[in-house]
Amino acid sequence: MSLREFVLEAPAADDPAQDLLPTVLAALSRAFTVAREPGAPGSGGRRHTWLDTFDWRLYRAGLMLEFEQARRDGRLLLSKADGTPQAEQPVTRWPRRPSLADDLPPGQVRDRIAVLASPRALLPIVRAVSAVSVTRLLNADGKTVARLVADHITVAGPNPAADTTAELPLRLAIAEVRGYPGQARKAATVLADVPGVSHASQGIFIAALSALGRHPADYSSGVDADIAATMPAAVAVARLLLRQLDVIETNVDGVLRDLDSEFLHDLRVAVRRTRSAIKLLGAVLPADLAAHYAAEFKWLGDLTTPTRDLDVHLLGFGPLTGQLVAASPADLEPLRAFLARRRTREFRRLAAALRGPRFRAITDDWRKALLEIRDATGPRRRRPTAAQLAVSTTGRAFRKIAAQGGAITPASPAQSLHDLRKRAKELRYLLEFFAPLHDPVAYRKVVSDLKQLQDCLGEFQDSEVQREEIHALADAMLAERAAPAATLLAMGEIAANLAVSQAEARADFARRFARFAGPAGRERVSVLLEGRRP
């Protein structure tokens, strides 16, 4: 096992790190007899690929996943961020195309990561080629009492053919031999005293990312724009919208490559946030700019809807079939196949539009206009600050929800709850936009109340929409003669289950709304907007 890891300090251009290795061996030879060990277990060439989802779900959970390949053998290694092993399973090769965790062969690693990663694909984050040599350290009796492991590592990004490469400083480790722990400690002490050698403060994965100019968790779909309370409102809004444009553009490649369904989901959320910001905050922007891009982003939202709706159907297929009682999951396989065919057609249309001139013009021209607003210099007419805009728009949105929701009764049509859901979503976006300006504790309390209301409204609307779509799909499958009787009966059972879910959500609405907009909820919103400490 490795007792202590070291690295050779970054050398000058005319002093390669490898040149220090003879110095290390010379220092060790004063305490041990050193002997190279060609062909020792663990020596030779290895390839390493560290994998995670695009949004770093494993790393954020404190885990690292590595695929290690040596000659014909391969294995998946799951460890904690500090390198502590968690699980291991053999894998002969890693598929060329990014895979879902559920697609891995059964094993301990898959069992640990499947829930964490789903429904995202596991993507290569960084690759490394490692050349390992082993030197035995012998005592006076000629017995091997420790080993020096030297690792020459070249790293590259996810695509070695296109990405730049970097050499990591030579890594050294003292490996303990059973029965001689004191000798391994002695060797580590000698090694630590060699000039130019330092203790390894980073694992290979983090060191590789740093060498390639990256850092862990460098993608987030959140708002997290850099705004301040005293900032002119127009500048703050431009920063918020630029952040959403970054998210849109970052996800386009993953959408076009169809790596997993969450790329399109994140893109759509950024588009919805953009549309809400234009609607709710666009008054501080040039009027013609807001009006023009409101229409353009509506086009983009409408464009992405069919594919995303079909993704939701396919992702939820397992849970839906699990609710069947009278029918069996096999009865719904024709429906799954029908949805997959329809998604293929819709995805082709979506991909063509995202590669087309209208989308590129939207993103390029929108960025240029927002940068001009963000970077404008010179005297400004008196305009509201970001804090003033946050208070006025958030307060107005809350009052609208309180009035609209308070008028809903058990006899109100379903559309009234659908409209309230839209208003609740707009308020949620406003809270997210201006989160840096609010007290964190007060913010969390209001968002918690709002999220519970949104979950209820979402369950109500999603159940109704899915039920209507099940009926429409049944009609379409009948028209194409793709619906056996057993499938139609199973679809009818699903529609009935959705009706029950919708009724339960409706019954729970009054309680959720009272918590959000009742006296206690109003007080929490007042604390938030007035900047008081809760």
Protein backbone atom coordinates (compact mmCIF):
# COMPACT_ATOMS: atom_id res chain seq x y z
CA MET A 1 0.00 0.00 0.00
CA SER A 2 1.14 3.58 -0.55
CA LEU A 3 2.50 5.13 2.66
CA ARG A 4 3.19 8.63 1.46
CA GLU A 5 3.04 10.37 -1.91
CA PHE A 6 5.43 13.05 -3.11
CA VAL A 7 5.92 15.15 -6.22
CA LEU A 8 9.02 16.63 -7.72
CA GLU A 9 8.62 20.38 -7.67
CA ALA A 10 7.91 22.11 -10.97
CA PRO A 11 11.32 22.36 -12.69
CA ALA A 12 12.85 25.14 -14.68
CA ALA A 13 12.81 24.76 -18.44
CA ASP A 14 16.43 23.56 -18.49
CA ASP A 15 16.02 21.25 -15.47
CA PRO A 16 13.52 18.49 -16.27
CA ALA A 17 11.86 16.90 -13.25
CA GLN A 18 13.05 13.48 -14.36
CA ASP A 19 16.64 14.61 -13.81
CA LEU A 20 15.92 14.73 -10.08
CA LEU A 21 15.14 11.03 -9.97
CA PRO A 22 18.85 10.01 -9.83
CA THR A 23 19.24 12.43 -6.92
CA VAL A 24 16.34 10.72 -5.15
CA LEU A 25 17.82 7.28 -5.77
CA ALA A 26 21.22 8.44 -4.55
CA ALA A 27 19.69 9.73 -1.31
CA LEU A 28 17.84 6.46 -0.74
CA SER A 29 20.95 4.42 -1.53
CA ARG A 30 22.63 5.86 1.55
CA ALA A 31 20.05 4.07 3.72
CA PHE A 32 19.08 1.12 1.50
CA THR A 33 20.28 -0.93 -1.39
CA VAL A 34 18.27 0.16 -4.44
CA ALA A 35 17.41 -2.21 -7.26
CA ARG A 36 15.15 -1.64 -10.26
CA GLU A 37 12.30 -4.14 -10.52
CA PRO A 38 11.24 -4.45 -14.18
CA GLY A 39 7.86 -6.06 -14.62
CA ALA A 40 6.84 -5.55 -10.99
CA PRO A 41 3.10 -5.65 -10.26
CA GLY A 42 1.67 -2.20 -10.91
CA SER A 43 4.52 -1.14 -13.21
CA GLY A 44 4.28 -0.37 -16.92
CA GLY A 45 1.77 1.71 -18.85
CA ARG A 46 -1.74 2.51 -17.72
CA ARG A 47 -4.53 4.68 -18.98
CA HIS A 48 -6.82 6.51 -16.60
CA THR A 49 -10.10 8.26 -17.36
CA TRP A 50 -11.96 10.18 -14.67
CA LEU A 51 -15.69 10.33 -15.26
CA ASP A 52 -18.55 12.39 -13.97
CA THR A 53 -21.79 13.90 -15.18
CA PHE A 54 -21.69 17.24 -16.95
CA ASP A 55 -22.94 18.95 -13.78
CA TRP A 56 -20.48 17.08 -11.50
CA ARG A 57 -23.06 15.09 -9.54
CA LEU A 58 -20.52 12.57 -8.28
CA TYR A 59 -17.96 15.16 -7.24
CA ARG A 60 -20.59 17.26 -5.50
CA ALA A 61 -21.51 14.11 -3.56
CA GLY A 62 -17.88 13.76 -2.46
CA LEU A 63 -17.00 10.96 -4.90
CA MET A 64 -14.60 10.39 -7.80
CA LEU A 65 -15.02 7.75 -10.49
CA GLU A 66 -12.01 6.45 -12.39
CA PHE A 67 -11.71 3.94 -15.22
CA GLU A 68 -8.26 2.39 -15.20
CA GLN A 69 -7.04 0.27 -18.08
CA ALA A 70 -3.82 -1.73 -18.19
CA ARG A 71 -3.22 -3.91 -21.21
CA ARG A 72 -6.47 -5.88 -21.64
CA ASP A 73 -7.78 -5.50 -18.12
CA GLY A 74 -9.88 -2.62 -16.88
CA ARG A 75 -11.65 -1.65 -13.71
CA LEU A 76 -13.88 1.06 -12.35
CA LEU A 77 -12.68 2.63 -9.12
CA LEU A 78 -14.96 4.70 -6.92
CA SER A 79 -13.33 6.70 -4.15
CA LYS A 80 -14.03 9.61 -1.87
CA ALA A 81 -12.60 13.00 -2.79
CA ASP A 82 -9.66 12.35 -0.45
CA GLY A 83 -8.82 9.11 -2.27
CA THR A 84 -10.38 6.68 0.22
CA PRO A 85 -11.56 3.62 -1.80
CA GLN A 86 -15.31 3.00 -1.81
CA ALA A 87 -16.03 0.38 -4.46
CA GLU A 88 -14.41 -1.40 -7.37
CA GLN A 89 -15.62 -3.56 -10.24
CA PRO A 90 -13.99 -5.02 -13.35
CA VAL A 91 -14.93 -3.54 -16.72
CA THR A 92 -13.25 -4.83 -19.84
CA ARG A 93 -13.53 -1.54 -21.72
CA TRP A 94 -15.31 1.78 -21.51
CA PRO A 95 -17.83 2.40 -24.30
CA ARG A 96 -16.88 5.04 -26.83
CA ARG A 97 -20.21 6.77 -26.47
CA PRO A 98 -21.05 8.34 -23.09
CA SER A 99 -23.17 5.93 -21.09
CA LEU A 100 -25.76 6.12 -18.39
CA ALA A 101 -24.83 4.54 -15.09
CA ASP A 102 -27.70 2.07 -15.59
CA ASP A 103 -25.95 0.83 -18.74
CA LEU A 104 -22.90 -0.35 -16.79
CA PRO A 105 -22.59 -4.06 -16.04
CA PRO A 106 -23.86 -5.05 -12.60
CA GLY A 107 -21.43 -4.38 -9.79
CA GLN A 108 -20.65 -2.41 -6.67
CA VAL A 109 -19.75 0.78 -8.51
CA ARG A 110 -22.95 0.85 -10.52
CA ASP A 111 -24.98 0.20 -7.39
CA ARG A 112 -23.36 3.20 -5.67
CA ILE A 113 -23.62 5.76 -8.47
CA ALA A 114 -26.78 4.88 -10.43
CA VAL A 115 -29.17 6.95 -8.31
CA LEU A 116 -26.69 9.82 -7.98
CA ALA A 117 -25.99 10.17 -11.68
CA SER A 118 -29.38 9.39 -13.26
CA PRO A 119 -30.55 10.55 -15.75
CA ARG A 120 -27.23 12.05 -16.78
CA ALA A 121 -24.57 10.33 -18.84
CA LEU A 122 -21.12 9.64 -17.42
CA LEU A 123 -18.70 11.74 -19.45
CA PRO A 124 -14.89 11.68 -19.55
CA ILE A 125 -13.60 14.71 -17.62
CA VAL A 126 -9.86 14.20 -17.91
CA ARG A 127 -7.61 11.46 -19.25
CA ALA A 128 -4.10 10.45 -18.23
CA VAL A 129 -1.42 8.16 -19.60
CA SER A 130 0.80 6.82 -16.84
CA ALA A 131 4.23 5.15 -17.09
CA VAL A 132 5.09 3.53 -13.77
CA SER A 133 8.47 2.19 -12.70
CA VAL A 134 9.23 0.37 -9.44
CA THR A 135 12.48 0.31 -7.48
CA ARG A 136 13.03 -2.10 -4.59
CA LEU A 137 14.62 -0.87 -1.38
CA LEU A 138 16.61 -3.63 0.35
CA ASN A 139 18.03 -3.86 3.86
CA ALA A 140 21.47 -5.16 4.82
CA ASP A 141 20.16 -8.75 4.64
CA GLY A 142 19.10 -8.26 1.03
CA LYS A 143 15.41 -8.37 1.86
CA THR A 144 12.96 -6.02 0.17
CA VAL A 145 11.62 -3.76 2.91
CA ALA A 146 9.91 -1.05 0.81
CA ARG A 147 9.40 0.07 -2.77
CA LEU A 148 9.75 3.40 -4.55
CA VAL A 149 7.06 3.88 -7.18
CA ALA A 150 7.72 6.57 -9.80
CA ASP A 151 4.82 7.69 -12.01
CA HIS A 152 5.35 9.76 -15.17
CA ILE A 153 1.92 11.18 -16.12
CA THR A 154 0.70 12.97 -19.23
CA VAL A 155 -2.83 14.38 -19.03
CA ALA A 156 -5.34 15.56 -21.61
CA GLY A 157 -8.93 16.76 -21.75
CA PRO A 158 -11.94 14.61 -22.71
CA ASN A 159 -10.87 14.49 -26.36
CA PRO A 160 -7.15 13.63 -26.52
CA ALA A 161 -7.09 14.10 -30.30
CA ALA A 162 -8.19 17.74 -30.03
CA ASP A 163 -7.34 18.90 -26.51
CA THR A 164 -3.99 20.13 -25.32
CA THR A 165 -1.84 17.89 -23.17
CA ALA A 166 0.22 18.63 -20.09
CA GLU A 167 2.97 16.86 -18.18
CA LEU A 168 2.44 16.55 -14.45
CA PRO A 169 5.42 16.75 -12.10
CA LEU A 170 6.86 13.31 -11.48
CA ARG A 171 4.96 11.60 -8.66
CA LEU A 172 6.76 9.35 -6.20
CA ALA A 173 5.35 7.04 -3.56
CA ILE A 174 6.84 4.80 -0.93
CA ALA A 175 5.00 1.48 -0.90
CA GLU A 176 5.08 -0.48 2.33
CA VAL A 177 6.07 -4.14 2.42
CA ARG A 178 4.25 -6.30 4.98
CA GLY A 179 6.25 -6.72 8.13
CA TYR A 180 8.47 -3.67 7.59
CA PRO A 181 6.36 -0.58 8.32
CA GLY A 182 9.25 1.15 10.09
CA GLN A 183 11.47 0.82 7.02
CA ALA A 184 8.79 2.39 4.83
CA ARG A 185 8.54 5.33 7.24
CA LYS A 186 12.32 5.65 7.18
CA ALA A 187 12.33 5.72 3.37
CA ALA A 188 9.57 8.35 3.35
CA THR A 189 11.59 10.52 5.75
CA VAL A 190 14.67 10.26 3.53
CA LEU A 191 12.61 11.10 0.46
CA ALA A 192 10.98 14.13 2.09
CA ASP A 193 14.43 15.60 2.86
CA VAL A 194 15.61 15.55 -0.77
CA PRO A 195 15.73 19.12 -2.20
CA GLY A 196 13.07 19.55 -4.88
CA VAL A 197 10.77 16.90 -3.40
CA SER A 198 7.56 17.91 -1.64
CA HIS A 199 4.56 16.10 -0.22
CA ALA A 200 1.75 15.67 -2.75
CA SER A 201 -1.00 18.07 -1.74
CA GLN A 202 -3.33 17.08 -4.58
CA GLY A 203 -4.50 13.82 -6.04
CA ILE A 204 -3.81 13.12 -9.71
CA PHE A 205 -7.35 14.06 -10.76
CA ILE A 206 -7.26 17.55 -9.23
CA ALA A 207 -3.66 18.09 -10.36
CA ALA A 208 -4.64 17.11 -13.91
CA LEU A 209 -7.59 19.52 -13.94
CA SER A 210 -5.35 22.34 -12.69
CA ALA A 211 -2.74 21.60 -15.36
CA LEU A 212 -5.46 21.84 -18.02
CA GLY A 213 -6.82 25.13 -16.63
CA ARG A 214 -9.98 23.65 -15.16
CA HIS A 215 -11.36 23.17 -11.68
CA PRO A 216 -13.95 20.78 -10.25
CA ALA A 217 -17.62 21.70 -10.43
CA ASP A 218 -16.91 24.36 -13.07
CA TYR A 219 -20.44 24.11 -14.48
CA SER A 220 -23.67 25.14 -12.82
CA SER A 221 -27.05 25.81 -14.36
CA GLY A 222 -27.94 28.23 -11.57
CA VAL A 223 -28.31 32.01 -11.75
CA ASP A 224 -25.33 33.07 -9.58
CA ALA A 225 -24.72 36.33 -11.47
CA ASP A 226 -22.38 38.93 -9.99
CA ILE A 227 -24.75 41.72 -8.94
CA ALA A 228 -24.72 44.22 -6.06
CA ALA A 229 -27.45 46.21 -4.31
CA THR A 230 -26.19 49.65 -5.41
CA MET A 231 -25.59 48.61 -9.00
CA PRO A 232 -27.76 50.34 -11.63
CA ALA A 233 -30.75 48.11 -12.30
CA ALA A 234 -30.08 47.92 -16.03
CA VAL A 235 -26.54 46.70 -15.43
CA ALA A 236 -27.75 44.07 -12.95
CA VAL A 237 -30.40 42.82 -15.39
CA ALA A 238 -27.83 42.66 -18.20
CA ARG A 239 -25.56 40.57 -15.97
CA LEU A 240 -28.43 38.24 -15.08
CA LEU A 241 -29.35 37.77 -18.71
CA LEU A 242 -25.73 37.23 -19.78
CA ARG A 243 -25.43 34.49 -17.20
CA GLN A 244 -28.49 32.74 -18.66
CA LEU A 245 -27.08 33.12 -22.15
CA ASP A 246 -23.89 31.43 -20.97
CA VAL A 247 -25.95 28.47 -19.72
CA ILE A 248 -27.84 28.25 -23.02
CA GLU A 249 -24.69 28.26 -25.13
CA THR A 250 -22.82 25.87 -22.82
CA ASN A 251 -25.54 23.24 -23.26
CA VAL A 252 -26.00 23.47 -27.02
CA ASP A 253 -23.24 20.99 -27.87
CA GLY A 254 -24.62 18.39 -25.44
CA VAL A 255 -28.10 18.86 -26.92
CA LEU A 256 -26.87 18.43 -30.47
CA ARG A 257 -24.83 15.35 -29.56
CA ASP A 258 -27.85 14.03 -27.64
CA LEU A 259 -25.63 12.97 -24.74
CA ASP A 260 -28.44 12.96 -22.19
CA SER A 261 -31.80 14.62 -21.65
CA GLU A 262 -30.57 17.12 -19.04
CA PHE A 263 -28.69 19.24 -21.56
CA LEU A 264 -31.97 20.20 -23.17
CA HIS A 265 -33.60 20.59 -19.75
CA ASP A 266 -30.93 23.05 -18.57
CA LEU A 267 -31.12 24.95 -21.86
CA ARG A 268 -34.90 25.24 -21.54
CA VAL A 269 -34.72 26.45 -17.93
CA ALA A 270 -32.28 29.17 -19.00
CA VAL A 271 -34.64 30.15 -21.81
CA ARG A 272 -37.59 30.33 -19.39
CA ARG A 273 -35.58 32.41 -16.96
CA THR A 274 -34.61 34.72 -19.80
CA ARG A 275 -38.22 35.14 -20.90
CA SER A 276 -39.32 35.84 -17.33
CA ALA A 277 -36.52 38.38 -16.82
CA ILE A 278 -37.47 40.19 -20.03
CA LYS A 279 -41.13 40.24 -18.98
CA LEU A 280 -40.64 41.23 -15.34
CA LEU A 281 -37.46 43.32 -15.50
CA GLY A 282 -37.36 44.44 -19.12
CA ALA A 283 -38.64 47.92 -18.27
CA VAL A 284 -35.07 48.94 -17.40
CA LEU A 285 -33.85 47.81 -20.83
CA PRO A 286 -34.36 49.63 -24.13
CA ALA A 287 -37.99 49.03 -25.09
CA ASP A 288 -37.30 47.80 -28.62
CA LEU A 289 -34.68 45.38 -27.33
CA ALA A 290 -37.02 43.79 -24.78
CA ALA A 291 -39.89 43.48 -27.27
CA HIS A 292 -37.75 41.96 -30.01
CA TYR A 293 -36.07 39.35 -27.85
CA ALA A 294 -39.25 38.44 -26.00
CA ALA A 295 -40.49 37.14 -29.35
CA GLU A 296 -37.18 35.46 -30.23
CA PHE A 297 -36.91 33.57 -26.97
CA LYS A 298 -40.56 32.54 -27.22
CA TRP A 299 -39.66 30.97 -30.57
CA LEU A 300 -36.76 29.17 -28.91
CA GLY A 301 -38.93 27.96 -26.05
CA ASP A 302 -41.60 26.67 -28.43
CA LEU A 303 -38.92 24.99 -30.56
CA THR A 304 -37.59 22.92 -27.67
CA THR A 305 -40.94 21.93 -26.16
CA PRO A 306 -41.87 18.84 -28.25
CA THR A 307 -38.55 17.05 -27.71
CA ARG A 308 -38.49 17.86 -24.00
CA ASP A 309 -42.08 16.68 -23.53
CA LEU A 310 -41.18 13.36 -25.15
CA ASP A 311 -38.07 13.12 -22.96
CA VAL A 312 -40.27 13.53 -19.89
CA HIS A 313 -42.59 10.76 -21.10
CA LEU A 314 -39.70 8.39 -21.73
CA LEU A 315 -37.89 9.22 -18.48
CA GLY A 316 -41.08 8.65 -16.50
CA PHE A 317 -41.95 5.43 -18.25
CA GLY A 318 -40.59 3.16 -15.53
CA PRO A 319 -42.52 4.79 -12.66
CA LEU A 320 -45.70 4.80 -14.75
CA THR A 321 -45.49 1.11 -15.55
CA GLY A 322 -44.80 0.41 -11.87
CA GLN A 323 -48.28 1.73 -11.06
CA LEU A 324 -50.03 -0.78 -13.30
CA VAL A 325 -52.31 -3.31 -11.62
CA ALA A 326 -54.65 -4.69 -14.27
CA ALA A 327 -52.14 -4.41 -17.11
CA SER A 328 -48.50 -5.47 -17.34
CA PRO A 329 -45.45 -3.35 -18.28
CA ALA A 330 -45.06 -5.37 -21.47
CA ASP A 331 -48.44 -4.06 -22.63
CA LEU A 332 -46.94 -0.56 -22.82
CA GLU A 333 -43.91 -1.44 -24.95
CA PRO A 334 -45.70 -0.36 -28.18
CA LEU A 335 -46.26 3.04 -26.53
CA ARG A 336 -42.57 3.32 -25.63
CA ALA A 337 -41.57 2.48 -29.20
CA PHE A 338 -44.09 5.02 -30.55
CA LEU A 339 -42.71 7.75 -28.27
CA ALA A 340 -39.12 6.93 -29.26
CA ARG A 341 -39.95 7.20 -32.97
CA ARG A 342 -41.73 10.49 -32.46
CA ARG A 343 -38.81 11.84 -30.42
CA THR A 344 -36.39 10.94 -33.22
CA ARG A 345 -38.41 13.06 -35.65
CA GLU A 346 -38.75 15.98 -33.25
CA PHE A 347 -35.08 15.90 -32.33
CA ARG A 348 -34.03 16.17 -35.97
CA ARG A 349 -36.16 19.30 -36.29
CA LEU A 350 -34.73 20.76 -33.09
CA ALA A 351 -31.12 20.03 -34.07
CA ALA A 352 -31.56 21.60 -37.49
CA ALA A 353 -32.92 24.80 -35.93
CA LEU A 354 -30.14 25.00 -33.32
CA ARG A 355 -27.60 24.73 -36.14
CA GLY A 356 -29.46 27.34 -38.19
CA PRO A 357 -28.89 31.06 -38.70
CA ARG A 358 -31.81 32.29 -36.58
CA PHE A 359 -30.53 30.69 -33.39
CA ARG A 360 -26.98 31.89 -33.99
CA ALA A 361 -28.23 35.41 -34.68
CA ILE A 362 -30.24 35.39 -31.45
CA THR A 363 -27.30 34.39 -29.27
CA ASP A 364 -24.69 36.59 -31.00
CA ASP A 365 -26.78 39.75 -31.23
CA TRP A 366 -28.31 39.31 -27.76
CA ARG A 367 -24.87 39.00 -26.19
CA LYS A 368 -23.60 42.07 -28.01
CA ALA A 369 -26.59 44.16 -26.87
CA LEU A 370 -26.31 43.00 -23.26
CA LEU A 371 -22.58 43.68 -23.13
CA GLU A 372 -23.19 47.23 -24.31
CA ILE A 373 -25.65 47.77 -21.46
CA ARG A 374 -23.39 46.13 -18.89
CA ASP A 375 -20.29 48.07 -19.95
CA ALA A 376 -21.88 51.44 -20.74
CA THR A 377 -19.87 54.37 -19.41
CA GLY A 378 -20.55 58.08 -19.03
CA PRO A 379 -23.30 59.93 -17.16
CA ARG A 380 -26.55 58.10 -16.54
CA ARG A 381 -29.97 59.45 -15.93
CA ARG A 382 -31.23 58.68 -12.47
CA ARG A 383 -32.31 55.07 -12.61
CA PRO A 384 -33.38 52.55 -9.95
CA THR A 385 -30.73 50.43 -8.30
CA ALA A 386 -30.69 46.65 -8.35
CA ALA A 387 -31.98 46.59 -4.76
CA GLN A 388 -34.89 48.90 -5.57
CA LEU A 389 -35.79 46.80 -8.59
CA ALA A 390 -35.63 43.61 -6.52
CA VAL A 391 -37.97 44.94 -3.83
CA SER A 392 -40.54 46.43 -6.22
CA THR A 393 -40.77 43.48 -8.62
CA THR A 394 -40.65 40.75 -5.98
CA GLY A 395 -43.25 42.48 -3.80
CA ARG A 396 -45.55 42.99 -6.77
CA ALA A 397 -45.22 39.35 -7.83
CA PHE A 398 -46.00 38.11 -4.32
CA ARG A 399 -49.08 40.32 -4.00
CA LYS A 400 -50.35 39.08 -7.34
CA ILE A 401 -50.00 35.46 -6.24
CA ALA A 402 -51.66 36.17 -2.88
CA ALA A 403 -54.65 37.79 -4.57
CA GLN A 404 -54.94 35.28 -7.39
CA GLY A 405 -54.51 32.23 -5.16
CA GLY A 406 -56.81 33.59 -2.48
CA ALA A 407 -59.65 33.72 -4.98
CA ILE A 408 -59.34 30.02 -5.86
CA THR A 409 -62.04 27.77 -4.39
CA PRO A 410 -62.75 24.05 -4.79
CA ALA A 411 -65.13 25.03 -7.58
CA SER A 412 -62.56 27.09 -9.54
CA PRO A 413 -61.63 25.74 -12.97
CA ALA A 414 -58.33 23.94 -13.44
CA GLN A 415 -57.06 26.86 -15.52
CA SER A 416 -56.98 29.05 -12.42
CA LEU A 417 -54.42 26.74 -10.82
CA HIS A 418 -52.44 26.58 -14.06
CA ASP A 419 -52.25 30.38 -14.18
CA LEU A 420 -51.19 30.51 -10.55
CA ARG A 421 -48.40 28.06 -11.28
CA LYS A 422 -47.01 30.44 -13.91
CA ARG A 423 -47.07 33.33 -11.46
CA ALA A 424 -45.36 31.18 -8.81
CA LYS A 425 -42.64 30.24 -11.27
CA GLU A 426 -42.06 33.90 -12.11
CA LEU A 427 -41.73 34.74 -8.42
CA ARG A 428 -39.27 31.88 -7.97
CA TYR A 429 -37.13 33.27 -10.78
CA LEU A 430 -37.18 36.75 -9.25
CA LEU A 431 -36.07 35.34 -5.92
CA GLU A 432 -33.24 33.45 -7.63
CA PHE A 433 -32.18 36.48 -9.66
CA PHE A 434 -31.82 38.70 -6.62
CA ALA A 435 -30.67 36.07 -4.10
CA PRO A 436 -27.28 37.80 -3.56
CA LEU A 437 -29.14 40.91 -2.32
CA HIS A 438 -31.25 39.11 0.31
CA ASP A 439 -30.48 37.79 3.77
CA PRO A 440 -29.71 34.07 3.21
CA VAL A 441 -31.85 32.81 6.11
CA ALA A 442 -34.89 34.89 5.12
CA TYR A 443 -34.39 33.84 1.48
CA ARG A 444 -34.34 30.13 2.33
CA LYS A 445 -37.54 30.39 4.38
CA VAL A 446 -39.51 32.11 1.60
CA VAL A 447 -38.16 29.79 -1.09
CA SER A 448 -39.03 26.74 1.03
CA ASP A 449 -42.67 27.86 1.33
CA LEU A 450 -42.84 28.69 -2.36
CA LYS A 451 -41.29 25.39 -3.41
CA GLN A 452 -43.94 23.43 -1.51
CA LEU A 453 -46.66 25.40 -3.27
CA GLN A 454 -44.95 24.91 -6.64
CA ASP A 455 -44.66 21.15 -6.08
CA CYS A 456 -48.39 20.95 -5.45
CA LEU A 457 -49.30 23.09 -8.48
CA GLY A 458 -46.82 21.18 -10.61
CA GLU A 459 -48.29 17.83 -9.65
CA PHE A 460 -51.76 19.13 -10.48
CA GLN A 461 -50.83 20.49 -13.89
CA ASP A 462 -48.43 17.72 -14.90
CA SER A 463 -51.05 15.08 -14.10
CA GLU A 464 -53.64 16.83 -16.23
CA VAL A 465 -51.25 17.48 -19.12
CA GLN A 466 -49.97 13.90 -19.11
CA ARG A 467 -53.50 12.54 -18.98
CA GLU A 468 -54.50 14.65 -21.99
CA GLU A 469 -51.35 13.60 -23.83
CA ILE A 470 -52.09 9.92 -23.11
CA HIS A 471 -55.46 10.38 -24.80
CA ALA A 472 -53.85 12.19 -27.75
CA LEU A 473 -51.19 9.50 -28.07
CA ALA A 474 -53.86 6.80 -28.08
CA ASP A 475 -55.62 8.57 -30.95
CA ALA A 476 -52.35 8.96 -32.86
CA MET A 477 -51.39 5.31 -32.36
CA LEU A 478 -54.81 4.22 -33.53
CA ALA A 479 -54.44 6.36 -36.63
CA GLU A 480 -51.08 4.70 -37.37
CA ARG A 481 -52.43 1.25 -36.43
CA ALA A 482 -49.68 0.99 -33.79
CA ALA A 483 -51.91 0.35 -30.78
CA PRO A 484 -52.82 -3.21 -29.76
CA ALA A 485 -55.89 -3.46 -27.55
CA ALA A 486 -53.77 -4.41 -24.51
CA THR A 487 -51.72 -1.25 -24.94
CA LEU A 488 -54.80 0.96 -25.11
CA LEU A 489 -56.19 -0.66 -21.96
CA ALA A 490 -52.87 -0.10 -20.14
CA MET A 491 -52.84 3.53 -21.28
CA GLY A 492 -56.36 3.91 -19.93
CA GLU A 493 -55.20 2.61 -16.55
CA ILE A 494 -52.34 5.12 -16.51
CA ALA A 495 -54.75 7.94 -17.34
CA ALA A 496 -56.94 6.88 -14.44
CA ASN A 497 -53.96 6.89 -12.06
CA LEU A 498 -53.03 10.39 -13.25
CA ALA A 499 -56.55 11.58 -12.52
CA VAL A 500 -56.18 10.34 -8.94
CA SER A 501 -52.83 12.17 -8.57
CA GLN A 502 -54.40 15.36 -9.87
CA ALA A 503 -57.29 15.12 -7.42
CA GLU A 504 -54.88 14.58 -4.51
CA ALA A 505 -52.86 17.64 -5.51
CA ARG A 506 -56.00 19.73 -5.75
CA ALA A 507 -57.08 18.64 -2.28
CA ASP A 508 -53.67 19.63 -0.87
CA PHE A 509 -53.62 23.07 -2.52
CA ALA A 510 -55.41 25.03 0.20
CA ARG A 511 -52.98 23.89 2.90
CA ARG A 512 -49.88 24.66 0.82
CA PHE A 513 -51.21 28.05 -0.25
CA ALA A 514 -52.15 29.03 3.31
CA ARG A 515 -48.62 28.38 4.49
CA PHE A 516 -47.14 30.45 1.69
CA ALA A 517 -49.55 33.40 1.59
CA GLY A 518 -51.10 33.32 5.06
CA PRO A 519 -50.08 35.68 7.87
CA ALA A 520 -46.87 33.81 8.71
CA GLY A 521 -45.89 33.59 5.04
CA ARG A 522 -46.58 37.29 4.49
CA GLU A 523 -44.37 38.12 7.47
CA ARG A 524 -41.54 36.03 6.04
CA VAL A 525 -41.79 37.87 2.72
CA SER A 526 -41.83 41.24 4.54
CA VAL A 527 -38.68 40.30 6.45
CA LEU A 528 -37.03 39.35 3.17
CA LEU A 529 -37.94 42.53 1.30
CA GLU A 530 -37.25 44.89 4.19
CA GLY A 531 -33.82 43.43 4.75
CA ARG A 532 -34.55 42.56 8.37
CA ARG A 533 -32.78 39.71 10.08
CA PRO A 534 -35.28 36.89 10.63
